[in-house]
Amino acid sequence: MRIIAGIARSLPLKTVAGMDTRPTTDRIKETLFNMLQDEVPGSYFLDLFAGSGQIGLEAVSRGAKYAVFVENNKKAIGCIEENIEFTKFTRETKLYPSDVLTALRSMEGKYQFDVIFMDPPYNQEIEKDVLHYLADSTLLKEDTLIVVEASLSTGFDYLDELGLRLRKLKTYKTNEHAFIEKKK
């Protein structure tokens, strides 16, 4: 696993040993960032369920102004810390070693994000709880883009009741990216 593009291009990243996380493959990460190329430069980027931190670090490498990582797995937290140090992005990043909803509550009034990426455990509807929280949160701007990496069986039919809409759904062989925004 490596940084694909930007100022830290080709730097290798550590991954979390074991089956507790599912690192996004370089190929899917490249497709994702090609779709986000206009959103990332100058952005405040939030990486939820961050794993190794590779998505947020890729965003900073590609010009995001700041990335915040949220992770509660101890091995993954250590991995993110090492990857931040190795990429020398210590000033452009912050790590919340906490569960996602606790971290989101503690960020209220401190941040507003342009892009929020989340890769929660599959098929547990955790993304639904996070989207419920974000729908009324001050962490969102009017044009914040939320990207959810999910299993192919994940549904988003509840977005309308939250005042959100599915802008795009990109399907891969084993998973999908849902691009979600506030309804205008």
C-alpha atoms as a PDB file:
ATOM      1  CA  MET A   1       0.000   0.000   0.000  1.00  0.00           C
ATOM      2  CA  ARG A   2       1.345   3.424  -0.925  1.00  0.00           C
ATOM      3  CA  ILE A   3       0.480   7.054  -1.531  1.00  0.00           C
ATOM      4  CA  ILE A   4      -0.538   7.148  -5.202  1.00  0.00           C
ATOM      5  CA  ALA A   5      -0.186  10.820  -6.138  1.00  0.00           C
ATOM      6  CA  GLY A   6       0.769  14.257  -4.909  1.00  0.00           C
ATOM      7  CA  ILE A   7       3.655  15.490  -2.800  1.00  0.00           C
ATOM      8  CA  ALA A   8       4.102  12.166  -0.949  1.00  0.00           C
ATOM      9  CA  ARG A   9       3.715  10.076  -4.113  1.00  0.00           C
ATOM     10  CA  SER A  10       5.059   6.515  -3.938  1.00  0.00           C
ATOM     11  CA  LEU A  11       5.724   6.563  -0.183  1.00  0.00           C
ATOM     12  CA  PRO A  12       4.883   3.138   1.250  1.00  0.00           C
ATOM     13  CA  LEU A  13       2.394   3.019   4.101  1.00  0.00           C
ATOM     14  CA  LYS A  14       2.131   0.520   6.929  1.00  0.00           C
ATOM     15  CA  THR A  15      -1.026  -1.526   7.231  1.00  0.00           C
ATOM     16  CA  VAL A  16      -2.736  -3.022  10.242  1.00  0.00           C
ATOM     17  CA  ALA A  17      -1.850  -6.672  10.701  1.00  0.00           C
ATOM     18  CA  GLY A  18      -4.717  -9.152  10.932  1.00  0.00           C
ATOM     19  CA  MET A  19      -8.281  -9.147   9.705  1.00  0.00           C
ATOM     20  CA  ASP A  20      -9.612  -6.255  11.828  1.00  0.00           C
ATOM     21  CA  THR A  21      -9.418  -3.805   8.921  1.00  0.00           C
ATOM     22  CA  ARG A  22      -9.962  -3.939   5.151  1.00  0.00           C
ATOM     23  CA  PRO A  23      -7.466  -1.626   3.441  1.00  0.00           C
ATOM     24  CA  THR A  24      -8.859  -0.017   0.304  1.00  0.00           C
ATOM     25  CA  THR A  25      -6.871  -1.367  -2.634  1.00  0.00           C
ATOM     26  CA  ASP A  26      -4.644   1.031  -4.578  1.00  0.00           C
ATOM     27  CA  ARG A  27      -6.794   0.519  -7.658  1.00  0.00           C
ATOM     28  CA  ILE A  28     -10.051   1.463  -5.893  1.00  0.00           C
ATOM     29  CA  LYS A  29      -8.280   4.319  -4.076  1.00  0.00           C
ATOM     30  CA  GLU A  30      -7.061   5.691  -7.407  1.00  0.00           C
ATOM     31  CA  THR A  31     -10.589   5.501  -8.876  1.00  0.00           C
ATOM     32  CA  LEU A  32     -12.003   7.201  -5.772  1.00  0.00           C
ATOM     33  CA  PHE A  33      -9.522  10.074  -5.912  1.00  0.00           C
ATOM     34  CA  ASN A  34     -10.037  10.520  -9.648  1.00  0.00           C
ATOM     35  CA  MET A  35     -13.717  11.125  -8.817  1.00  0.00           C
ATOM     36  CA  LEU A  36     -12.736  13.476  -5.951  1.00  0.00           C
ATOM     37  CA  GLN A  37     -10.061  15.404  -7.852  1.00  0.00           C
ATOM     38  CA  ASP A  38     -12.019  18.681  -7.812  1.00  0.00           C
ATOM     39  CA  GLU A  39     -13.109  18.322  -4.170  1.00  0.00           C
ATOM     40  CA  VAL A  40      -9.799  17.552  -2.411  1.00  0.00           C
ATOM     41  CA  PRO A  41      -7.406  20.483  -3.079  1.00  0.00           C
ATOM     42  CA  GLY A  42      -7.669  23.007  -0.239  1.00  0.00           C
ATOM     43  CA  SER A  43     -10.254  20.912   1.618  1.00  0.00           C
ATOM     44  CA  TYR A  44     -10.768  19.919   5.210  1.00  0.00           C
ATOM     45  CA  PHE A  45     -10.985  16.121   4.957  1.00  0.00           C
ATOM     46  CA  LEU A  46     -12.432  13.749   7.573  1.00  0.00           C
ATOM     47  CA  ASP A  47     -11.421  10.065   7.487  1.00  0.00           C
ATOM     48  CA  LEU A  48     -13.761   8.010   9.712  1.00  0.00           C
ATOM     49  CA  PHE A  49     -12.977   4.384  10.609  1.00  0.00           C
ATOM     50  CA  ALA A  50      -9.554   5.341   9.291  1.00  0.00           C
ATOM     51  CA  GLY A  51      -7.724   1.997   9.580  1.00  0.00           C
ATOM     52  CA  SER A  52      -4.164   2.781   8.440  1.00  0.00           C
ATOM     53  CA  GLY A  53      -5.046   6.388   7.588  1.00  0.00           C
ATOM     54  CA  GLN A  54      -4.263   5.867   3.927  1.00  0.00           C
ATOM     55  CA  ILE A  55      -7.329   7.711   2.564  1.00  0.00           C
ATOM     56  CA  GLY A  56      -6.773  10.874   4.615  1.00  0.00           C
ATOM     57  CA  LEU A  57      -3.024  10.812   3.910  1.00  0.00           C
ATOM     58  CA  GLU A  58      -3.712  10.446   0.186  1.00  0.00           C
ATOM     59  CA  ALA A  59      -5.996  13.482   0.448  1.00  0.00           C
ATOM     60  CA  VAL A  60      -3.269  15.570   2.122  1.00  0.00           C
ATOM     61  CA  SER A  61      -0.727  14.420  -0.451  1.00  0.00           C
ATOM     62  CA  ARG A  62      -3.141  15.592  -3.170  1.00  0.00           C
ATOM     63  CA  GLY A  63      -3.577  19.034  -1.652  1.00  0.00           C
ATOM     64  CA  ALA A  64      -6.112  18.792   1.172  1.00  0.00           C
ATOM     65  CA  LYS A  65      -5.395  21.567   3.657  1.00  0.00           C
ATOM     66  CA  TYR A  66      -6.070  19.369   6.690  1.00  0.00           C
ATOM     67  CA  ALA A  67      -7.143  15.794   7.459  1.00  0.00           C
ATOM     68  CA  VAL A  68      -8.697  14.459  10.639  1.00  0.00           C
ATOM     69  CA  PHE A  69      -8.627  10.730  11.351  1.00  0.00           C
ATOM     70  CA  VAL A  70     -10.974   8.845  13.679  1.00  0.00           C
ATOM     71  CA  GLU A  71     -10.138   5.299  14.734  1.00  0.00           C
ATOM     72  CA  ASN A  72     -10.688   3.267  17.900  1.00  0.00           C
ATOM     73  CA  ASN A  73      -8.694   0.072  17.178  1.00  0.00           C
ATOM     74  CA  LYS A  74      -5.416   0.275  19.146  1.00  0.00           C
ATOM     75  CA  LYS A  75      -3.315  -1.429  16.449  1.00  0.00           C
ATOM     76  CA  ALA A  76      -4.794   0.850  13.786  1.00  0.00           C
ATOM     77  CA  ILE A  77      -4.167   3.960  15.920  1.00  0.00           C
ATOM     78  CA  GLY A  78      -0.472   3.030  16.151  1.00  0.00           C
ATOM     79  CA  CYS A  79      -0.388   2.424  12.409  1.00  0.00           C
ATOM     80  CA  ILE A  80      -1.942   5.831  11.651  1.00  0.00           C
ATOM     81  CA  GLU A  81       0.536   7.553  13.972  1.00  0.00           C
ATOM     82  CA  GLU A  82       3.476   5.844  12.224  1.00  0.00           C
ATOM     83  CA  ASN A  83       2.118   6.709   8.763  1.00  0.00           C
ATOM     84  CA  ILE A  84       1.586  10.368   9.738  1.00  0.00           C
ATOM     85  CA  GLU A  85       5.175  10.575  11.031  1.00  0.00           C
ATOM     86  CA  PHE A  86       6.596   8.777   7.977  1.00  0.00           C
ATOM     87  CA  THR A  87       4.784  11.041   5.500  1.00  0.00           C
ATOM     88  CA  LYS A  88       5.756  14.124   7.551  1.00  0.00           C
ATOM     89  CA  PHE A  89       2.129  15.337   7.612  1.00  0.00           C
ATOM     90  CA  THR A  90       2.117  16.042  11.357  1.00  0.00           C
ATOM     91  CA  ARG A  91       1.045  19.699  10.936  1.00  0.00           C
ATOM     92  CA  GLU A  92      -1.694  18.904   8.408  1.00  0.00           C
ATOM     93  CA  THR A  93      -3.380  16.131  10.401  1.00  0.00           C
ATOM     94  CA  LYS A  94      -5.082  15.268  13.684  1.00  0.00           C
ATOM     95  CA  LEU A  95      -5.969  11.846  15.053  1.00  0.00           C
ATOM     96  CA  TYR A  96      -8.938  11.206  17.353  1.00  0.00           C
ATOM     97  CA  PRO A  97      -8.337   7.814  19.020  1.00  0.00           C
ATOM     98  CA  SER A  98     -11.998   7.263  19.788  1.00  0.00           C
ATOM     99  CA  ASP A  99     -15.214   5.733  18.547  1.00  0.00           C
ATOM    100  CA  VAL A 100     -16.718   7.732  15.699  1.00  0.00           C
ATOM    101  CA  LEU A 101     -19.807   9.226  17.350  1.00  0.00           C
ATOM    102  CA  THR A 102     -17.854  10.376  20.431  1.00  0.00           C
ATOM    103  CA  ALA A 103     -15.230  11.957  18.167  1.00  0.00           C
ATOM    104  CA  LEU A 104     -17.858  13.696  16.024  1.00  0.00           C
ATOM    105  CA  ARG A 105     -19.503  15.183  19.112  1.00  0.00           C
ATOM    106  CA  SER A 106     -16.150  16.477  20.365  1.00  0.00           C
ATOM    107  CA  MET A 107     -15.409  18.128  16.985  1.00  0.00           C
ATOM    108  CA  GLU A 108     -18.597  20.235  16.949  1.00  0.00           C
ATOM    109  CA  GLY A 109     -17.698  23.919  16.728  1.00  0.00           C
ATOM    110  CA  LYS A 110     -14.047  23.139  15.879  1.00  0.00           C
ATOM    111  CA  TYR A 111     -14.294  21.944  12.280  1.00  0.00           C
ATOM    112  CA  GLN A 112     -16.400  22.072   9.157  1.00  0.00           C
ATOM    113  CA  PHE A 113     -15.457  19.501   6.568  1.00  0.00           C
ATOM    114  CA  ASP A 114     -15.518  19.673   2.789  1.00  0.00           C
ATOM    115  CA  VAL A 115     -15.158  15.920   2.323  1.00  0.00           C
ATOM    116  CA  ILE A 116     -16.036  13.139   4.758  1.00  0.00           C
ATOM    117  CA  PHE A 117     -14.941   9.599   3.945  1.00  0.00           C
ATOM    118  CA  MET A 118     -16.080   6.630   6.000  1.00  0.00           C
ATOM    119  CA  ASP A 119     -15.314   2.942   5.718  1.00  0.00           C
ATOM    120  CA  PRO A 120     -17.246   1.359   8.597  1.00  0.00           C
ATOM    121  CA  PRO A 121     -17.514  -2.386   9.242  1.00  0.00           C
ATOM    122  CA  TYR A 122     -19.769  -3.836   6.567  1.00  0.00           C
ATOM    123  CA  ASN A 123     -23.370  -4.954   7.039  1.00  0.00           C
ATOM    124  CA  GLN A 124     -23.823  -3.533  10.547  1.00  0.00           C
ATOM    125  CA  GLU A 125     -25.629  -0.304   9.500  1.00  0.00           C
ATOM    126  CA  ILE A 126     -23.062   1.793  11.364  1.00  0.00           C
ATOM    127  CA  GLU A 127     -22.967   4.191   8.411  1.00  0.00           C
ATOM    128  CA  LYS A 128     -26.674   4.832   8.986  1.00  0.00           C
ATOM    129  CA  ASP A 129     -26.033   5.939  12.589  1.00  0.00           C
ATOM    130  CA  VAL A 130     -23.196   8.213  11.438  1.00  0.00           C
ATOM    131  CA  LEU A 131     -25.291   9.739   8.642  1.00  0.00           C
ATOM    132  CA  HIS A 132     -28.153  10.343  11.115  1.00  0.00           C
ATOM    133  CA  TYR A 133     -25.721  12.240  13.321  1.00  0.00           C
ATOM    134  CA  LEU A 134     -24.110  14.180  10.465  1.00  0.00           C
ATOM    135  CA  ALA A 135     -27.450  15.265   8.973  1.00  0.00           C
ATOM    136  CA  ASP A 136     -27.967  17.737  11.844  1.00  0.00           C
ATOM    137  CA  SER A 137     -24.318  18.426  12.593  1.00  0.00           C
ATOM    138  CA  THR A 138     -22.419  21.704  12.296  1.00  0.00           C
ATOM    139  CA  LEU A 139     -19.546  19.617  10.886  1.00  0.00           C
ATOM    140  CA  LEU A 140     -21.263  19.726   7.475  1.00  0.00           C
ATOM    141  CA  LYS A 141     -21.186  22.711   5.145  1.00  0.00           C
ATOM    142  CA  GLU A 142     -23.949  23.179   2.580  1.00  0.00           C
ATOM    143  CA  ASP A 143     -21.790  21.479  -0.062  1.00  0.00           C
ATOM    144  CA  THR A 144     -19.970  18.833   2.018  1.00  0.00           C
ATOM    145  CA  LEU A 145     -19.493  15.576   0.143  1.00  0.00           C
ATOM    146  CA  ILE A 146     -19.813  12.376   2.177  1.00  0.00           C
ATOM    147  CA  VAL A 147     -18.372   9.189   0.701  1.00  0.00           C
ATOM    148  CA  VAL A 148     -19.344   5.860   2.248  1.00  0.00           C
ATOM    149  CA  GLU A 149     -17.438   2.710   1.356  1.00  0.00           C
ATOM    150  CA  ALA A 150     -19.885  -0.150   1.861  1.00  0.00           C
ATOM    151  CA  SER A 151     -20.778  -3.689   0.902  1.00  0.00           C
ATOM    152  CA  LEU A 152     -22.775  -4.209  -2.275  1.00  0.00           C
ATOM    153  CA  SER A 153     -25.841  -5.068  -0.191  1.00  0.00           C
ATOM    154  CA  THR A 154     -25.883  -1.753   1.700  1.00  0.00           C
ATOM    155  CA  GLY A 155     -28.968   0.343   1.040  1.00  0.00           C
ATOM    156  CA  PHE A 156     -29.315   4.108   1.339  1.00  0.00           C
ATOM    157  CA  ASP A 157     -33.097   4.447   0.900  1.00  0.00           C
ATOM    158  CA  TYR A 158     -33.370   6.411   4.180  1.00  0.00           C
ATOM    159  CA  LEU A 159     -31.304   9.412   2.980  1.00  0.00           C
ATOM    160  CA  ASP A 160     -34.316  11.484   1.938  1.00  0.00           C
ATOM    161  CA  GLU A 161     -35.730  11.547   5.478  1.00  0.00           C
ATOM    162  CA  LEU A 162     -32.357  12.899   6.685  1.00  0.00           C
ATOM    163  CA  GLY A 163     -32.326  15.730   4.152  1.00  0.00           C
ATOM    164  CA  LEU A 164     -29.543  13.997   2.230  1.00  0.00           C
ATOM    165  CA  ARG A 165     -29.391  12.610  -1.283  1.00  0.00           C
ATOM    166  CA  LEU A 166     -27.343  10.041  -3.154  1.00  0.00           C
ATOM    167  CA  ARG A 167     -25.372  11.974  -5.764  1.00  0.00           C
ATOM    168  CA  LYS A 168     -23.643   8.956  -7.265  1.00  0.00           C
ATOM    169  CA  LEU A 169     -23.057   5.270  -6.592  1.00  0.00           C
ATOM    170  CA  LYS A 170     -19.846   3.698  -7.900  1.00  0.00           C
ATOM    171  CA  THR A 171     -19.946  -0.101  -7.815  1.00  0.00           C
ATOM    172  CA  TYR A 172     -16.871  -2.329  -7.827  1.00  0.00           C
ATOM    173  CA  LYS A 173     -16.613  -6.141  -7.786  1.00  0.00           C
ATOM    174  CA  THR A 174     -16.820  -6.493  -4.010  1.00  0.00           C
ATOM    175  CA  ASN A 175     -17.986  -3.132  -2.645  1.00  0.00           C
ATOM    176  CA  GLU A 176     -19.301   0.318  -3.531  1.00  0.00           C
ATOM    177  CA  HIS A 177     -18.777   4.013  -2.888  1.00  0.00           C
ATOM    178  CA  ALA A 178     -21.885   6.064  -2.174  1.00  0.00           C
ATOM    179  CA  PHE A 179     -21.421   9.809  -2.786  1.00  0.00           C
ATOM    180  CA  ILE A 180     -23.877  11.641  -0.551  1.00  0.00           C
ATOM    181  CA  GLU A 181     -24.685  15.341  -0.108  1.00  0.00           C
ATOM    182  CA  LYS A 182     -27.290  17.586   1.470  1.00  0.00           C
ATOM    183  CA  LYS A 183     -30.428  18.078  -0.590  1.00  0.00           C
ATOM    184  CA  LYS A 184     -30.468  21.503  -2.164  1.00  0.00           C
END
